[in-house]
Amino acid sequence: MICDECQALYEEVGDRVRNASVFAKVRRTDERLRCLAKNCESPAEYRAEVNLPEHDVIYVGLYTPDRWLSESIEADVMHVGDKFEELLEEELVDQGWDTSLEIEHYRNDAKEFVFRSVIRVGDDKIDGEPMIDRISKALLAYEACFRELGDMSAGDEEG
């Protein structure tokens, strides 16, 4: 069962990112906040997830079971010559959070390809305004960063 603080975080962040209208769907579960990628033909979702039971970090990232999508994202970054962290940092600054986050990239036990960052809770309350603000900005920055990479917007090729 989800703790009250995690539920409040997921609900508040969910409301904020839903209002940005950049995700196809935003949904809270007992384990995480799930934001489905918009206009992506492959299954892909952005997540915010508190590590349990410690509650000392929140993971924010992009998850997909599609190897081709993961490889196409990697190829785009390699061709541009930037690093994932640099691209994400630009988007974080655009969101009003002047920070940089490392990005872990791996395949998890659920056979999903993961691009994620760790946001430390520190002395903040999980459901406090500073944490809600950071997690909202991180999710929106992830979406803006990855939207143009690989085949993330393959379903949006009008014009």
C-alpha atoms as a PDB file:
ATOM      1  CA  MET A   1       0.000   0.000   0.000  1.00  0.00           C
ATOM      2  CA  ILE A   2       1.220   3.488  -0.833  1.00  0.00           C
ATOM      3  CA  CYS A   3       2.191   5.813   2.015  1.00  0.00           C
ATOM      4  CA  ASP A   4       0.379   9.138   2.396  1.00  0.00           C
ATOM      5  CA  GLU A   5       3.477  11.189   1.497  1.00  0.00           C
ATOM      6  CA  CYS A   6       4.126   9.247  -1.725  1.00  0.00           C
ATOM      7  CA  GLN A   7       0.455   9.446  -2.698  1.00  0.00           C
ATOM      8  CA  ALA A   8       0.458  13.211  -2.164  1.00  0.00           C
ATOM      9  CA  LEU A   9       3.665  13.609  -4.205  1.00  0.00           C
ATOM     10  CA  TYR A  10       2.319  11.554  -7.106  1.00  0.00           C
ATOM     11  CA  GLU A  11      -1.040  13.347  -7.086  1.00  0.00           C
ATOM     12  CA  GLU A  12       0.442  16.865  -6.946  1.00  0.00           C
ATOM     13  CA  VAL A  13       3.114  16.154  -9.558  1.00  0.00           C
ATOM     14  CA  GLY A  14       0.523  14.381 -11.700  1.00  0.00           C
ATOM     15  CA  ASP A  15      -1.737  17.437 -11.642  1.00  0.00           C
ATOM     16  CA  ARG A  16       1.129  19.755 -12.633  1.00  0.00           C
ATOM     17  CA  VAL A  17       2.448  17.671 -15.508  1.00  0.00           C
ATOM     18  CA  ARG A  18      -1.075  16.870 -16.726  1.00  0.00           C
ATOM     19  CA  ASN A  19      -1.687  20.621 -17.075  1.00  0.00           C
ATOM     20  CA  ALA A  20       1.336  20.882 -19.402  1.00  0.00           C
ATOM     21  CA  SER A  21      -0.521  18.664 -21.943  1.00  0.00           C
ATOM     22  CA  VAL A  22       2.690  16.988 -23.149  1.00  0.00           C
ATOM     23  CA  PHE A  23       1.776  13.442 -22.112  1.00  0.00           C
ATOM     24  CA  ALA A  24      -0.842  11.150 -23.655  1.00  0.00           C
ATOM     25  CA  LYS A  25      -1.992  10.050 -20.202  1.00  0.00           C
ATOM     26  CA  VAL A  26      -0.907  10.624 -16.584  1.00  0.00           C
ATOM     27  CA  ARG A  27      -1.768   8.004 -13.977  1.00  0.00           C
ATOM     28  CA  ARG A  28      -0.783   7.276 -10.379  1.00  0.00           C
ATOM     29  CA  THR A  29      -0.354   3.730  -9.162  1.00  0.00           C
ATOM     30  CA  ASP A  30       0.715   2.536  -5.728  1.00  0.00           C
ATOM     31  CA  GLU A  31       4.265   2.157  -7.048  1.00  0.00           C
ATOM     32  CA  ARG A  32       4.810   5.243  -9.220  1.00  0.00           C
ATOM     33  CA  LEU A  33       3.521   8.108 -11.320  1.00  0.00           C
ATOM     34  CA  ARG A  34       3.241   7.023 -14.968  1.00  0.00           C
ATOM     35  CA  CYS A  35       3.151   9.508 -17.842  1.00  0.00           C
ATOM     36  CA  LEU A  36       2.618   7.906 -21.238  1.00  0.00           C
ATOM     37  CA  ALA A  37       4.627   9.366 -24.112  1.00  0.00           C
ATOM     38  CA  LYS A  38       2.525  11.331 -26.574  1.00  0.00           C
ATOM     39  CA  ASN A  39       2.733  10.594 -30.330  1.00  0.00           C
ATOM     40  CA  CYS A  40       5.139   7.706 -29.877  1.00  0.00           C
ATOM     41  CA  GLU A  41       4.326   4.558 -31.838  1.00  0.00           C
ATOM     42  CA  SER A  42       6.381   2.400 -29.455  1.00  0.00           C
ATOM     43  CA  PRO A  43       5.329   1.850 -25.848  1.00  0.00           C
ATOM     44  CA  ALA A  44       7.195   4.410 -23.745  1.00  0.00           C
ATOM     45  CA  GLU A  45       6.458   6.142 -20.482  1.00  0.00           C
ATOM     46  CA  TYR A  46       8.027   8.662 -18.176  1.00  0.00           C
ATOM     47  CA  ARG A  47       7.976   7.797 -14.485  1.00  0.00           C
ATOM     48  CA  ALA A  48       8.549   9.261 -11.066  1.00  0.00           C
ATOM     49  CA  GLU A  49       9.101   6.618  -8.409  1.00  0.00           C
ATOM     50  CA  VAL A  50      10.092   6.862  -4.749  1.00  0.00           C
ATOM     51  CA  ASN A  51      12.504   4.135  -3.679  1.00  0.00           C
ATOM     52  CA  LEU A  52      10.940   2.062  -0.963  1.00  0.00           C
ATOM     53  CA  PRO A  53      11.205   1.559   1.924  1.00  0.00           C
ATOM     54  CA  GLU A  54      14.028   4.101   2.336  1.00  0.00           C
ATOM     55  CA  HIS A  55      12.234   7.119   0.798  1.00  0.00           C
ATOM     56  CA  ASP A  56      15.617   8.821   0.292  1.00  0.00           C
ATOM     57  CA  VAL A  57      15.620   9.173  -3.511  1.00  0.00           C
ATOM     58  CA  ILE A  58      13.100   9.606  -6.276  1.00  0.00           C
ATOM     59  CA  TYR A  59      13.822   8.150  -9.692  1.00  0.00           C
ATOM     60  CA  VAL A  60      12.655  10.111 -12.721  1.00  0.00           C
ATOM     61  CA  GLY A  61      13.094   8.743 -16.205  1.00  0.00           C
ATOM     62  CA  LEU A  62      11.975   7.244 -19.485  1.00  0.00           C
ATOM     63  CA  TYR A  63      11.142   3.528 -19.741  1.00  0.00           C
ATOM     64  CA  THR A  64      10.451   1.445 -22.847  1.00  0.00           C
ATOM     65  CA  PRO A  65      10.427  -2.271 -23.645  1.00  0.00           C
ATOM     66  CA  ASP A  66      11.321  -1.428 -27.272  1.00  0.00           C
ATOM     67  CA  ARG A  67      14.994  -2.108 -28.051  1.00  0.00           C
ATOM     68  CA  TRP A  68      14.721  -0.289 -31.384  1.00  0.00           C
ATOM     69  CA  LEU A  69      13.438   2.873 -29.705  1.00  0.00           C
ATOM     70  CA  SER A  70      16.256   2.773 -27.156  1.00  0.00           C
ATOM     71  CA  GLU A  71      18.848   2.278 -29.892  1.00  0.00           C
ATOM     72  CA  SER A  72      17.379   5.055 -32.047  1.00  0.00           C
ATOM     73  CA  ILE A  73      17.579   7.456 -29.091  1.00  0.00           C
ATOM     74  CA  GLU A  74      21.206   6.474 -28.469  1.00  0.00           C
ATOM     75  CA  ALA A  75      22.053   6.897 -32.170  1.00  0.00           C
ATOM     76  CA  ASP A  76      20.551  10.397 -32.296  1.00  0.00           C
ATOM     77  CA  VAL A  77      22.570  11.517 -29.287  1.00  0.00           C
ATOM     78  CA  MET A  78      25.731  10.015 -30.748  1.00  0.00           C
ATOM     79  CA  HIS A  79      25.175  11.812 -34.083  1.00  0.00           C
ATOM     80  CA  VAL A  80      24.527  15.142 -32.372  1.00  0.00           C
ATOM     81  CA  GLY A  81      27.730  14.745 -30.369  1.00  0.00           C
ATOM     82  CA  ASP A  82      26.193  15.859 -27.095  1.00  0.00           C
ATOM     83  CA  LYS A  83      25.760  13.855 -23.935  1.00  0.00           C
ATOM     84  CA  PHE A  84      22.380  12.938 -22.473  1.00  0.00           C
ATOM     85  CA  GLU A  85      23.212  14.962 -19.357  1.00  0.00           C
ATOM     86  CA  GLU A  86      23.904  18.109 -21.408  1.00  0.00           C
ATOM     87  CA  LEU A  87      20.629  17.813 -23.306  1.00  0.00           C
ATOM     88  CA  LEU A  88      18.686  17.218 -20.093  1.00  0.00           C
ATOM     89  CA  GLU A  89      20.434  20.102 -18.324  1.00  0.00           C
ATOM     90  CA  GLU A  90      19.264  22.509 -21.056  1.00  0.00           C
ATOM     91  CA  GLU A  91      15.680  21.381 -20.563  1.00  0.00           C
ATOM     92  CA  LEU A  92      15.936  21.583 -16.766  1.00  0.00           C
ATOM     93  CA  VAL A  93      17.129  25.181 -17.067  1.00  0.00           C
ATOM     94  CA  ASP A  94      14.213  25.911 -19.418  1.00  0.00           C
ATOM     95  CA  GLN A  95      11.906  24.530 -16.706  1.00  0.00           C
ATOM     96  CA  GLY A  96      13.456  26.915 -14.174  1.00  0.00           C
ATOM     97  CA  TRP A  97      15.651  24.428 -12.331  1.00  0.00           C
ATOM     98  CA  ASP A  98      19.316  25.324 -12.759  1.00  0.00           C
ATOM     99  CA  THR A  99      20.865  21.930 -12.089  1.00  0.00           C
ATOM    100  CA  SER A 100      22.311  18.928 -13.849  1.00  0.00           C
ATOM    101  CA  LEU A 101      21.370  15.304 -13.322  1.00  0.00           C
ATOM    102  CA  GLU A 102      23.287  12.204 -14.253  1.00  0.00           C
ATOM    103  CA  ILE A 103      21.421   9.754 -16.463  1.00  0.00           C
ATOM    104  CA  GLU A 104      21.683   6.023 -15.908  1.00  0.00           C
ATOM    105  CA  HIS A 105      20.976   3.939 -19.009  1.00  0.00           C
ATOM    106  CA  TYR A 106      20.439   0.199 -18.690  1.00  0.00           C
ATOM    107  CA  ARG A 107      17.998  -2.667 -19.174  1.00  0.00           C
ATOM    108  CA  ASN A 108      16.088  -3.542 -16.007  1.00  0.00           C
ATOM    109  CA  ASP A 109      14.751  -6.865 -14.716  1.00  0.00           C
ATOM    110  CA  ALA A 110      11.368  -6.144 -16.347  1.00  0.00           C
ATOM    111  CA  LYS A 111      13.233  -6.068 -19.713  1.00  0.00           C
ATOM    112  CA  GLU A 112      12.672  -2.348 -20.127  1.00  0.00           C
ATOM    113  CA  PHE A 113      15.294   0.026 -21.452  1.00  0.00           C
ATOM    114  CA  VAL A 114      15.710   2.747 -18.866  1.00  0.00           C
ATOM    115  CA  PHE A 115      17.034   6.293 -19.001  1.00  0.00           C
ATOM    116  CA  ARG A 116      16.705   7.675 -15.466  1.00  0.00           C
ATOM    117  CA  SER A 117      18.059  10.126 -12.954  1.00  0.00           C
ATOM    118  CA  VAL A 118      18.252  10.043  -9.189  1.00  0.00           C
ATOM    119  CA  ILE A 119      16.875  13.006  -7.266  1.00  0.00           C
ATOM    120  CA  ARG A 120      17.886  12.924  -3.620  1.00  0.00           C
ATOM    121  CA  VAL A 121      15.250  13.825  -1.048  1.00  0.00           C
ATOM    122  CA  GLY A 122      17.739  15.108   1.536  1.00  0.00           C
ATOM    123  CA  ASP A 123      16.135  17.255   4.234  1.00  0.00           C
ATOM    124  CA  ASP A 124      13.025  17.975   2.148  1.00  0.00           C
ATOM    125  CA  LYS A 125       9.695  16.305   2.773  1.00  0.00           C
ATOM    126  CA  ILE A 126       8.674  13.964  -0.037  1.00  0.00           C
ATOM    127  CA  ASP A 127       5.309  15.688  -0.303  1.00  0.00           C
ATOM    128  CA  GLY A 128       6.655  19.193   0.325  1.00  0.00           C
ATOM    129  CA  GLU A 129       6.468  21.984  -2.231  1.00  0.00           C
ATOM    130  CA  PRO A 130      10.229  21.984  -3.073  1.00  0.00           C
ATOM    131  CA  MET A 131      10.190  18.255  -3.912  1.00  0.00           C
ATOM    132  CA  ILE A 132       6.905  18.471  -5.835  1.00  0.00           C
ATOM    133  CA  ASP A 133       8.371  21.351  -7.841  1.00  0.00           C
ATOM    134  CA  ARG A 134      11.641  19.513  -8.623  1.00  0.00           C
ATOM    135  CA  ILE A 135       9.972  16.268  -9.639  1.00  0.00           C
ATOM    136  CA  SER A 136       7.461  18.099 -11.860  1.00  0.00           C
ATOM    137  CA  LYS A 137      10.252  20.020 -13.564  1.00  0.00           C
ATOM    138  CA  ALA A 138      12.351  16.881 -13.974  1.00  0.00           C
ATOM    139  CA  LEU A 139       9.490  14.966 -15.650  1.00  0.00           C
ATOM    140  CA  LEU A 140       8.743  17.856 -17.996  1.00  0.00           C
ATOM    141  CA  ALA A 141      12.443  18.265 -18.791  1.00  0.00           C
ATOM    142  CA  TYR A 142      12.770  14.542 -19.533  1.00  0.00           C
ATOM    143  CA  GLU A 143       9.814  14.717 -21.896  1.00  0.00           C
ATOM    144  CA  ALA A 144      11.194  17.788 -23.693  1.00  0.00           C
ATOM    145  CA  CYS A 145      14.659  16.246 -23.916  1.00  0.00           C
ATOM    146  CA  PHE A 146      13.609  12.865 -25.271  1.00  0.00           C
ATOM    147  CA  ARG A 147      10.658  14.003 -27.426  1.00  0.00           C
ATOM    148  CA  GLU A 148      12.940  14.895 -30.338  1.00  0.00           C
ATOM    149  CA  LEU A 149      15.286  11.925 -29.999  1.00  0.00           C
ATOM    150  CA  GLY A 150      15.082   8.673 -31.902  1.00  0.00           C
ATOM    151  CA  ASP A 151      11.560   7.715 -32.875  1.00  0.00           C
ATOM    152  CA  MET A 152       9.839   9.257 -29.860  1.00  0.00           C
ATOM    153  CA  SER A 153       7.618  11.470 -31.996  1.00  0.00           C
ATOM    154  CA  ALA A 154       7.279   9.106 -34.965  1.00  0.00           C
ATOM    155  CA  GLY A 155       3.495   9.281 -34.767  1.00  0.00           C
ATOM    156  CA  ASP A 156       3.585  13.088 -35.076  1.00  0.00           C
ATOM    157  CA  GLU A 157       4.948  13.451 -38.609  1.00  0.00           C
ATOM    158  CA  GLU A 158       2.460  15.878 -40.107  1.00  0.00           C
ATOM    159  CA  GLY A 159       3.254  18.618 -42.501  1.00  0.00           C
END
